Amino acid sequence: MHEMSIAVELLRELESLVETNDVKCVTEFTVSAGQLRGIVPEALDIAFASLAADTCAAGAKLILESVSTVAQCQQCQHRFSPGEDYYLCPKCNQADVEIIEGNDIILKSVVCE
């Protein structure tokens, strides 16, 4: 369950933000996650809630936004949304792509008290 390691890193970041900004607690935060990360939203919710129980983020609402995968062909520069494990460029039929979007996990916003 890789959601636990993601939850650990999110909690570390939130604790750091609370400390450096001298606020009481986190009430809500938004995470943008690429589809390639394969995050199961319910598993991330459970992992985070269990880790954050006695912290500054206890009870915080986690909002998870999914980001679609976008690839760019290195041969013709065409950008497209690849199928699952299918990275053949629809324009030139080459399988030489760079992932442009859909592989990141970004803490986008945090609401604090």
N, C-alpha and C. Protein backbone atom coordinates (compact mmCIF):
# COMPACT_ATOMS: atom_id res chain seq x y z
N MET A 1 0.85 -1.18 0.00
CA MET A 1 0.00 0.00 0.00
C MET A 1 0.89 1.24 0.00
N HIS A 2 1.17 1.78 -1.17
CA HIS A 2 2.04 2.94 -1.26
C HIS A 2 1.36 4.22 -0.77
N GLU A 3 0.06 4.17 -0.56
CA GLU A 3 -0.65 5.33 -0.03
C GLU A 3 -0.14 5.71 1.35
N MET A 4 0.33 4.73 2.12
CA MET A 4 0.86 5.04 3.46
C MET A 4 2.11 5.91 3.36
N SER A 5 3.01 5.58 2.44
CA SER A 5 4.22 6.40 2.31
C SER A 5 3.88 7.80 1.79
N ILE A 6 2.88 7.91 0.96
CA ILE A 6 2.43 9.22 0.48
C ILE A 6 1.85 10.01 1.65
N ALA A 7 1.04 9.36 2.46
CA ALA A 7 0.44 10.01 3.63
C ALA A 7 1.52 10.49 4.60
N VAL A 8 2.56 9.70 4.79
CA VAL A 8 3.67 10.09 5.68
C VAL A 8 4.31 11.38 5.18
N GLU A 9 4.59 11.46 3.90
CA GLU A 9 5.22 12.66 3.32
C GLU A 9 4.29 13.87 3.38
N LEU A 10 3.00 13.66 3.12
CA LEU A 10 2.04 14.76 3.22
C LEU A 10 1.98 15.30 4.65
N LEU A 11 1.94 14.42 5.63
CA LEU A 11 1.89 14.84 7.02
C LEU A 11 3.16 15.60 7.40
N ARG A 12 4.32 15.14 6.96
CA ARG A 12 5.57 15.85 7.24
C ARG A 12 5.52 17.27 6.68
N GLU A 13 5.03 17.39 5.45
CA GLU A 13 4.94 18.71 4.82
C GLU A 13 3.96 19.62 5.57
N LEU A 14 2.82 19.07 5.95
CA LEU A 14 1.83 19.86 6.68
C LEU A 14 2.36 20.30 8.04
N GLU A 15 3.04 19.42 8.75
CA GLU A 15 3.61 19.77 10.05
C GLU A 15 4.65 20.88 9.90
N SER A 16 5.43 20.80 8.86
CA SER A 16 6.43 21.83 8.59
C SER A 16 5.77 23.18 8.30
N LEU A 17 4.70 23.16 7.50
CA LEU A 17 3.98 24.40 7.19
C LEU A 17 3.36 25.02 8.44
N VAL A 18 2.80 24.20 9.31
CA VAL A 18 2.20 24.69 10.55
C VAL A 18 3.28 25.34 11.41
N GLU A 19 4.41 24.69 11.53
CA GLU A 19 5.50 25.21 12.36
C GLU A 19 6.08 26.51 11.81
N THR A 20 6.36 26.57 10.52
CA THR A 20 6.99 27.75 9.95
C THR A 20 6.03 28.93 9.79
N ASN A 21 4.73 28.68 9.77
CA ASN A 21 3.77 29.77 9.62
C ASN A 21 3.04 30.10 10.92
N ASP A 22 3.45 29.46 12.00
CA ASP A 22 2.91 29.73 13.34
C ASP A 22 1.38 29.74 13.36
N VAL A 23 0.78 28.65 12.87
CA VAL A 23 -0.66 28.47 12.92
C VAL A 23 -1.00 27.31 13.84
N LYS A 24 -2.26 27.20 14.20
CA LYS A 24 -2.69 26.20 15.17
C LYS A 24 -2.80 24.80 14.57
N CYS A 25 -3.57 24.69 13.48
CA CYS A 25 -3.79 23.37 12.91
C CYS A 25 -4.25 23.47 11.46
N VAL A 26 -4.18 22.35 10.77
CA VAL A 26 -4.64 22.24 9.39
C VAL A 26 -6.07 21.71 9.43
N THR A 27 -6.97 22.38 8.70
CA THR A 27 -8.36 21.92 8.66
C THR A 27 -8.71 21.27 7.33
N GLU A 28 -7.98 21.65 6.27
CA GLU A 28 -8.26 21.11 4.94
C GLU A 28 -7.03 21.30 4.07
N PHE A 29 -6.81 20.35 3.16
CA PHE A 29 -5.72 20.51 2.20
C PHE A 29 -6.06 19.78 0.91
N THR A 30 -5.50 20.31 -0.18
CA THR A 30 -5.77 19.77 -1.50
C THR A 30 -4.49 19.22 -2.10
N VAL A 31 -4.59 18.01 -2.62
CA VAL A 31 -3.46 17.33 -3.25
C VAL A 31 -3.84 17.02 -4.69
N SER A 32 -2.93 17.37 -5.60
CA SER A 32 -3.09 17.05 -7.01
C SER A 32 -2.19 15.85 -7.30
N ALA A 33 -2.78 14.78 -7.82
CA ALA A 33 -2.00 13.56 -8.06
C ALA A 33 -2.25 13.01 -9.46
N GLY A 34 -1.18 12.71 -10.15
CA GLY A 34 -1.27 12.16 -11.49
C GLY A 34 -1.81 10.74 -11.48
N GLN A 35 -2.54 10.41 -12.54
CA GLN A 35 -3.12 9.07 -12.66
C GLN A 35 -2.07 7.97 -12.66
N LEU A 36 -0.87 8.29 -13.14
CA LEU A 36 0.19 7.27 -13.18
C LEU A 36 0.62 6.83 -11.78
N ARG A 37 0.31 7.61 -10.77
CA ARG A 37 0.65 7.25 -9.39
C ARG A 37 -0.22 6.12 -8.86
N GLY A 38 -1.36 5.89 -9.49
CA GLY A 38 -2.22 4.77 -9.09
C GLY A 38 -2.73 4.86 -7.67
N ILE A 39 -3.03 6.06 -7.22
CA ILE A 39 -3.50 6.25 -5.84
C ILE A 39 -4.95 5.83 -5.72
N VAL A 40 -5.24 5.05 -4.71
CA VAL A 40 -6.62 4.68 -4.37
C VAL A 40 -7.07 5.70 -3.33
N PRO A 41 -8.01 6.59 -3.69
CA PRO A 41 -8.40 7.67 -2.79
C PRO A 41 -8.80 7.22 -1.39
N GLU A 42 -9.58 6.16 -1.30
CA GLU A 42 -10.03 5.68 0.01
C GLU A 42 -8.85 5.20 0.85
N ALA A 43 -7.88 4.55 0.22
CA ALA A 43 -6.70 4.07 0.95
C ALA A 43 -5.86 5.24 1.46
N LEU A 44 -5.74 6.29 0.66
CA LEU A 44 -5.00 7.48 1.10
C LEU A 44 -5.72 8.16 2.25
N ASP A 45 -7.04 8.26 2.17
CA ASP A 45 -7.83 8.85 3.27
C ASP A 45 -7.61 8.10 4.57
N ILE A 46 -7.69 6.78 4.51
CA ILE A 46 -7.53 5.95 5.71
C ILE A 46 -6.11 6.07 6.26
N ALA A 47 -5.13 5.99 5.39
CA ALA A 47 -3.72 6.09 5.82
C ALA A 47 -3.46 7.43 6.47
N PHE A 48 -3.92 8.51 5.84
CA PHE A 48 -3.67 9.84 6.39
C PHE A 48 -4.37 10.03 7.72
N ALA A 49 -5.64 9.64 7.80
CA ALA A 49 -6.40 9.80 9.04
C ALA A 49 -5.75 9.05 10.19
N SER A 50 -5.23 7.87 9.91
CA SER A 50 -4.60 7.09 10.97
C SER A 50 -3.28 7.72 11.43
N LEU A 51 -2.50 8.25 10.50
CA LEU A 51 -1.24 8.89 10.85
C LEU A 51 -1.44 10.23 11.55
N ALA A 52 -2.46 10.98 11.14
CA ALA A 52 -2.65 12.35 11.63
C ALA A 52 -3.43 12.43 12.93
N ALA A 53 -3.87 11.31 13.47
CA ALA A 53 -4.77 11.29 14.62
C ALA A 53 -4.39 12.24 15.76
N ASP A 54 -3.15 12.28 16.17
CA ASP A 54 -2.73 13.12 17.30
C ASP A 54 -1.77 14.22 16.86
N THR A 55 -2.02 14.78 15.69
CA THR A 55 -1.13 15.81 15.16
C THR A 55 -1.90 17.09 14.86
N CYS A 56 -1.20 18.06 14.32
CA CYS A 56 -1.81 19.33 13.93
C CYS A 56 -2.80 19.16 12.78
N ALA A 57 -2.81 18.01 12.14
CA ALA A 57 -3.70 17.76 11.00
C ALA A 57 -4.80 16.76 11.33
N ALA A 58 -5.01 16.50 12.62
CA ALA A 58 -6.06 15.57 13.03
C ALA A 58 -7.41 16.07 12.53
N GLY A 59 -8.15 15.23 11.85
CA GLY A 59 -9.47 15.57 11.34
C GLY A 59 -9.47 16.44 10.09
N ALA A 60 -8.30 16.74 9.55
CA ALA A 60 -8.23 17.59 8.35
C ALA A 60 -8.87 16.87 7.17
N LYS A 61 -9.56 17.64 6.34
CA LYS A 61 -10.20 17.10 5.15
C LYS A 61 -9.18 17.08 4.01
N LEU A 62 -9.00 15.90 3.42
CA LEU A 62 -8.09 15.73 2.29
C LEU A 62 -8.91 15.75 1.00
N ILE A 63 -8.58 16.69 0.12
CA ILE A 63 -9.24 16.76 -1.18
C ILE A 63 -8.22 16.29 -2.21
N LEU A 64 -8.54 15.24 -2.93
CA LEU A 64 -7.63 14.66 -3.92
C LEU A 64 -8.13 14.96 -5.33
N GLU A 65 -7.31 15.68 -6.10
CA GLU A 65 -7.63 15.99 -7.49
C GLU A 65 -6.79 15.11 -8.40
N SER A 66 -7.44 14.44 -9.33
CA SER A 66 -6.75 13.55 -10.26
C SER A 66 -6.31 14.32 -11.51
N VAL A 67 -5.07 14.08 -11.93
CA VAL A 67 -4.52 14.73 -13.13
C VAL A 67 -4.31 13.66 -14.20
N SER A 68 -4.90 13.89 -15.36
CA SER A 68 -4.77 12.94 -16.47
C SER A 68 -3.34 12.91 -17.00
N THR A 69 -2.99 11.79 -17.58
CA THR A 69 -1.66 11.62 -18.16
C THR A 69 -1.59 12.29 -19.53
N VAL A 70 -0.52 13.04 -19.75
CA VAL A 70 -0.25 13.66 -21.04
C VAL A 70 1.17 13.29 -21.43
N ALA A 71 1.31 12.75 -22.64
CA ALA A 71 2.63 12.38 -23.17
C ALA A 71 2.96 13.26 -24.36
N GLN A 72 4.25 13.45 -24.60
CA GLN A 72 4.69 14.18 -25.79
C GLN A 72 5.66 13.30 -26.56
N CYS A 73 5.36 13.12 -27.84
CA CYS A 73 6.21 12.32 -28.71
C CYS A 73 7.53 13.05 -28.93
N GLN A 74 8.62 12.36 -28.75
CA GLN A 74 9.94 12.95 -28.94
C GLN A 74 10.32 13.06 -30.41
N GLN A 75 9.59 12.37 -31.27
CA GLN A 75 9.87 12.42 -32.70
C GLN A 75 9.16 13.58 -33.39
N CYS A 76 7.86 13.73 -33.12
CA CYS A 76 7.07 14.75 -33.84
C CYS A 76 6.52 15.85 -32.92
N GLN A 77 6.78 15.74 -31.62
CA GLN A 77 6.36 16.73 -30.60
C GLN A 77 4.85 16.77 -30.36
N HIS A 78 4.12 15.81 -30.89
CA HIS A 78 2.66 15.76 -30.68
C HIS A 78 2.37 15.38 -29.23
N ARG A 79 1.44 16.11 -28.60
CA ARG A 79 0.99 15.79 -27.24
C ARG A 79 -0.32 15.02 -27.32
N PHE A 80 -0.43 13.99 -26.48
CA PHE A 80 -1.63 13.16 -26.49
C PHE A 80 -1.83 12.50 -25.14
N SER A 81 -3.02 11.98 -24.92
CA SER A 81 -3.35 11.23 -23.71
C SER A 81 -3.19 9.75 -24.02
N PRO A 82 -2.15 9.12 -23.49
CA PRO A 82 -1.93 7.71 -23.80
C PRO A 82 -2.94 6.81 -23.10
N GLY A 83 -3.16 5.65 -23.67
CA GLY A 83 -3.98 4.65 -23.00
C GLY A 83 -3.15 4.00 -21.90
N GLU A 84 -3.77 3.20 -21.08
CA GLU A 84 -3.05 2.54 -20.01
C GLU A 84 -1.97 1.62 -20.58
N ASP A 85 -0.73 1.92 -20.27
CA ASP A 85 0.44 1.18 -20.76
C ASP A 85 0.51 1.12 -22.29
N TYR A 86 0.00 2.15 -22.96
CA TYR A 86 0.05 2.21 -24.42
C TYR A 86 0.51 3.61 -24.81
N TYR A 87 1.77 3.71 -25.22
CA TYR A 87 2.38 5.01 -25.46
C TYR A 87 2.77 5.24 -26.92
N LEU A 88 2.07 4.63 -27.83
CA LEU A 88 2.33 4.81 -29.25
C LEU A 88 1.70 6.14 -29.70
N CYS A 89 2.51 7.00 -30.31
CA CYS A 89 2.02 8.30 -30.78
C CYS A 89 0.97 8.10 -31.87
N PRO A 90 -0.21 8.70 -31.72
CA PRO A 90 -1.25 8.54 -32.73
C PRO A 90 -0.94 9.29 -34.03
N LYS A 91 0.02 10.17 -34.00
CA LYS A 91 0.34 10.96 -35.19
C LYS A 91 1.42 10.30 -36.06
N CYS A 92 2.50 9.81 -35.41
CA CYS A 92 3.61 9.26 -36.20
C CYS A 92 3.90 7.79 -35.91
N ASN A 93 3.12 7.19 -35.00
CA ASN A 93 3.24 5.77 -34.65
C ASN A 93 4.57 5.38 -34.02
N GLN A 94 5.23 6.33 -33.36
CA GLN A 94 6.47 6.03 -32.64
C GLN A 94 6.14 5.88 -31.15
N ALA A 95 6.94 5.08 -30.46
CA ALA A 95 6.73 4.87 -29.03
C ALA A 95 7.87 5.52 -28.24
N ASP A 96 8.25 6.71 -28.63
CA ASP A 96 9.31 7.47 -27.99
C ASP A 96 8.69 8.71 -27.37
N VAL A 97 8.22 8.59 -26.12
CA VAL A 97 7.47 9.68 -25.50
C VAL A 97 8.09 10.13 -24.18
N GLU A 98 7.75 11.34 -23.82
CA GLU A 98 8.08 11.90 -22.51
C GLU A 98 6.76 12.19 -21.82
N ILE A 99 6.66 11.83 -20.54
CA ILE A 99 5.45 12.12 -19.78
C ILE A 99 5.52 13.58 -19.34
N ILE A 100 4.54 14.36 -19.76
CA ILE A 100 4.49 15.80 -19.47
C ILE A 100 3.65 16.06 -18.22
N GLU A 101 2.55 15.35 -18.06
CA GLU A 101 1.66 15.50 -16.91
C GLU A 101 1.16 14.13 -16.48
N GLY A 102 0.80 14.04 -15.21
CA GLY A 102 0.17 12.81 -14.73
C GLY A 102 1.06 11.92 -13.90
N ASN A 103 2.25 12.42 -13.52
CA ASN A 103 3.15 11.59 -12.73
C ASN A 103 3.56 12.26 -11.42
N ASP A 104 3.01 13.43 -11.13
CA ASP A 104 3.40 14.19 -9.94
C ASP A 104 2.38 14.05 -8.82
N ILE A 105 2.85 14.35 -7.61
CA ILE A 105 1.97 14.52 -6.46
C ILE A 105 2.34 15.89 -5.89
N ILE A 106 1.34 16.79 -5.87
CA ILE A 106 1.61 18.18 -5.47
C ILE A 106 0.63 18.60 -4.37
N LEU A 107 1.16 19.14 -3.30
CA LEU A 107 0.33 19.73 -2.25
C LEU A 107 -0.04 21.13 -2.76
N LYS A 108 -1.29 21.30 -3.20
CA LYS A 108 -1.71 22.53 -3.87
C LYS A 108 -2.14 23.63 -2.92
N SER A 109 -2.90 23.29 -1.90
CA SER A 109 -3.38 24.33 -1.00
C SER A 109 -3.61 23.74 0.40
N VAL A 110 -3.53 24.64 1.39
CA VAL A 110 -3.71 24.24 2.78
C VAL A 110 -4.54 25.31 3.47
N VAL A 111 -5.56 24.87 4.20
CA VAL A 111 -6.39 25.78 5.01
C VAL A 111 -6.05 25.51 6.47
N CYS A 112 -5.70 26.57 7.19
CA CYS A 112 -5.30 26.45 8.59
C CYS A 112 -6.15 27.32 9.49
N GLU A 113 -6.10 27.01 10.78
CA GLU A 113 -6.73 27.86 11.81
C GLU A 113 -5.67 28.69 12.45
